[in-house]
Amino acid sequence: MMYELLNQREEELFFFLFNQEKPLTTKEMGERLDKKHWNNVTLFRTVKSLEEKKYLTITGFERSNTQYARRFVPAMTREEYAARLLEAKGYGPGNVAEIEKAMKQHAGSKKKTAKK
C-alpha cells in the first residue's frame, strides 16, 4: 500500500498524537495544542486529511451532549512512518544497514559537538 507523504502541519499533529497517553478527540487536541498555531478550522481539516490518508485510526467514540466525538491514535508506529518516508525517497531494505551506520555516526558527531 502506498501512503501519501505528510505536509508539515499534518506531520506536526501526527507526532503530537504519539506523545499523548491516550486516544484523543479533536476537541481534546485543540485544548492541548498551541492556540497561536492551531485554530479549530485548521485542526479539523488536518485531522480529516490524516484520516483520509490512513495515518489516523478511530479507536472509539465519546458522547458529548447530543453528539458523538471520535477518538484518534496514529495508525502506525514512528518507525513505520520513517520506513515509509525512506521508501518514498527510493530507499529499501537493502539500505537499512548503511542508514543505521550513518545514523550512529551522526549521533556520535552530535555528542562530540555538544561536549565542546
Protein backbone atom coordinates (compact mmCIF):
# COMPACT_ATOMS: atom_id res chain seq x y z
CA MET A 1 0.00 0.00 0.00
CA MET A 2 1.41 3.38 -1.00
CA TYR A 3 1.00 6.15 1.54
CA GLU A 4 0.96 9.83 0.70
CA LEU A 5 3.63 11.86 2.42
CA LEU A 6 2.50 14.30 5.09
CA ASN A 7 2.82 18.06 4.86
CA GLN A 8 4.39 19.96 7.77
CA ARG A 9 1.10 20.63 9.58
CA GLU A 10 -0.06 17.02 9.24
CA GLU A 11 3.28 15.70 10.47
CA GLU A 12 3.19 18.06 13.47
CA LEU A 13 -0.22 16.76 14.54
CA PHE A 14 0.74 13.15 13.78
CA PHE A 15 3.77 13.35 16.09
CA PHE A 16 1.81 15.29 18.72
CA LEU A 17 -0.53 12.29 18.96
CA PHE A 18 2.40 9.93 19.57
CA ASN A 19 3.20 11.85 22.75
CA GLN A 20 -0.28 11.51 24.22
CA GLU A 21 -1.09 8.94 26.86
CA LYS A 22 -4.47 8.04 25.38
CA PRO A 23 -6.52 8.45 22.21
CA LEU A 24 -7.86 12.00 21.87
CA THR A 25 -10.94 13.63 20.41
CA THR A 26 -10.46 16.63 18.16
CA LYS A 27 -11.75 18.83 20.98
CA GLU A 28 -9.12 17.44 23.37
CA MET A 29 -6.41 18.00 20.75
CA GLY A 30 -7.49 21.63 20.45
CA GLU A 31 -7.30 22.08 24.22
CA ARG A 32 -3.70 20.76 24.30
CA LEU A 33 -2.25 22.35 21.15
CA ASP A 34 -0.76 25.85 20.93
CA LYS A 35 -3.71 28.14 20.22
CA LYS A 36 -1.49 30.59 18.30
CA HIS A 37 -0.80 27.98 15.63
CA TRP A 38 -3.92 25.85 15.73
CA ASN A 39 -7.46 27.16 15.31
CA ASN A 40 -10.49 24.86 15.11
CA VAL A 41 -10.78 25.01 11.32
CA THR A 42 -7.11 24.13 10.79
CA LEU A 43 -7.31 21.33 13.34
CA PHE A 44 -10.46 19.76 11.88
CA ARG A 45 -9.08 19.95 8.33
CA THR A 46 -5.78 18.41 9.40
CA VAL A 47 -7.47 15.56 11.29
CA LYS A 48 -9.70 14.89 8.29
CA SER A 49 -6.71 14.87 5.95
CA LEU A 50 -4.73 12.48 8.20
CA GLU A 51 -7.73 10.19 8.44
CA GLU A 52 -8.26 10.20 4.65
CA LYS A 53 -4.56 9.42 4.11
CA LYS A 54 -4.87 6.48 6.55
CA TYR A 55 -2.48 7.93 9.14
CA LEU A 56 -5.09 8.03 11.93
CA THR A 57 -7.26 5.28 13.34
CA ILE A 58 -10.53 5.79 15.19
CA THR A 59 -10.37 3.87 18.46
CA GLY A 60 -13.73 4.75 19.91
CA PHE A 61 -16.40 7.33 20.45
CA GLU A 62 -17.28 9.66 23.31
CA ARG A 63 -20.69 11.16 23.83
CA SER A 64 -20.74 14.93 24.17
CA ASN A 65 -24.27 16.22 24.81
CA THR A 66 -26.28 15.06 21.78
CA GLN A 67 -23.28 14.25 19.55
CA TYR A 68 -20.52 11.68 19.48
CA ALA A 69 -16.84 12.59 19.19
CA ARG A 70 -14.33 10.18 17.65
CA ARG A 71 -11.09 9.29 19.47
CA PHE A 72 -7.96 9.09 17.31
CA VAL A 73 -4.50 7.49 17.50
CA PRO A 74 -1.73 7.20 14.92
CA ALA A 75 -2.34 4.25 12.59
CA MET A 76 1.33 3.25 12.60
CA THR A 77 4.44 3.45 14.76
CA ARG A 78 7.10 6.13 14.36
CA GLU A 79 9.37 3.51 12.83
CA GLU A 80 6.74 2.51 10.28
CA TYR A 81 6.32 6.18 9.35
CA ALA A 82 10.11 6.58 8.96
CA ALA A 83 10.19 3.47 6.77
CA ARG A 84 7.52 4.95 4.51
CA LEU A 85 9.45 8.21 4.23
CA LEU A 86 12.60 6.35 3.25
CA GLU A 87 10.70 4.17 0.80
CA ALA A 88 9.19 7.27 -0.84
CA LYS A 89 12.75 8.60 -1.30
CA GLY A 90 13.84 5.42 -3.04
CA TYR A 91 15.46 3.51 -0.16
CA GLY A 92 14.66 -0.11 0.54
CA PRO A 93 15.56 -2.99 2.85
CA GLY A 94 18.99 -3.27 1.23
CA ASN A 95 19.86 0.20 2.51
CA VAL A 96 18.99 -0.39 6.17
CA ALA A 97 22.47 -1.34 7.39
CA GLU A 98 24.08 1.69 5.74
CA ILE A 99 21.36 4.02 7.04
CA GLU A 100 21.84 2.65 10.56
CA LYS A 101 25.61 3.15 10.29
CA ALA A 102 25.15 6.75 9.07
CA MET A 103 22.70 7.50 11.88
CA LYS A 104 25.12 6.19 14.51
CA GLN A 105 27.95 8.27 13.04
CA HIS A 106 25.73 11.35 13.01
CA ALA A 107 24.64 10.76 16.63
CA GLY A 108 28.28 10.36 17.64
CA SER A 109 29.30 13.61 15.97
CA LYS A 110 26.41 15.45 17.68
CA LYS A 111 27.62 14.23 21.09
CA LYS A 112 31.18 15.41 20.39
CA THR A 113 29.91 18.84 19.30
CA ALA A 114 27.76 19.15 22.43
CA LYS A 115 30.76 18.45 24.72
CA LYS A 116 32.87 21.28 23.24
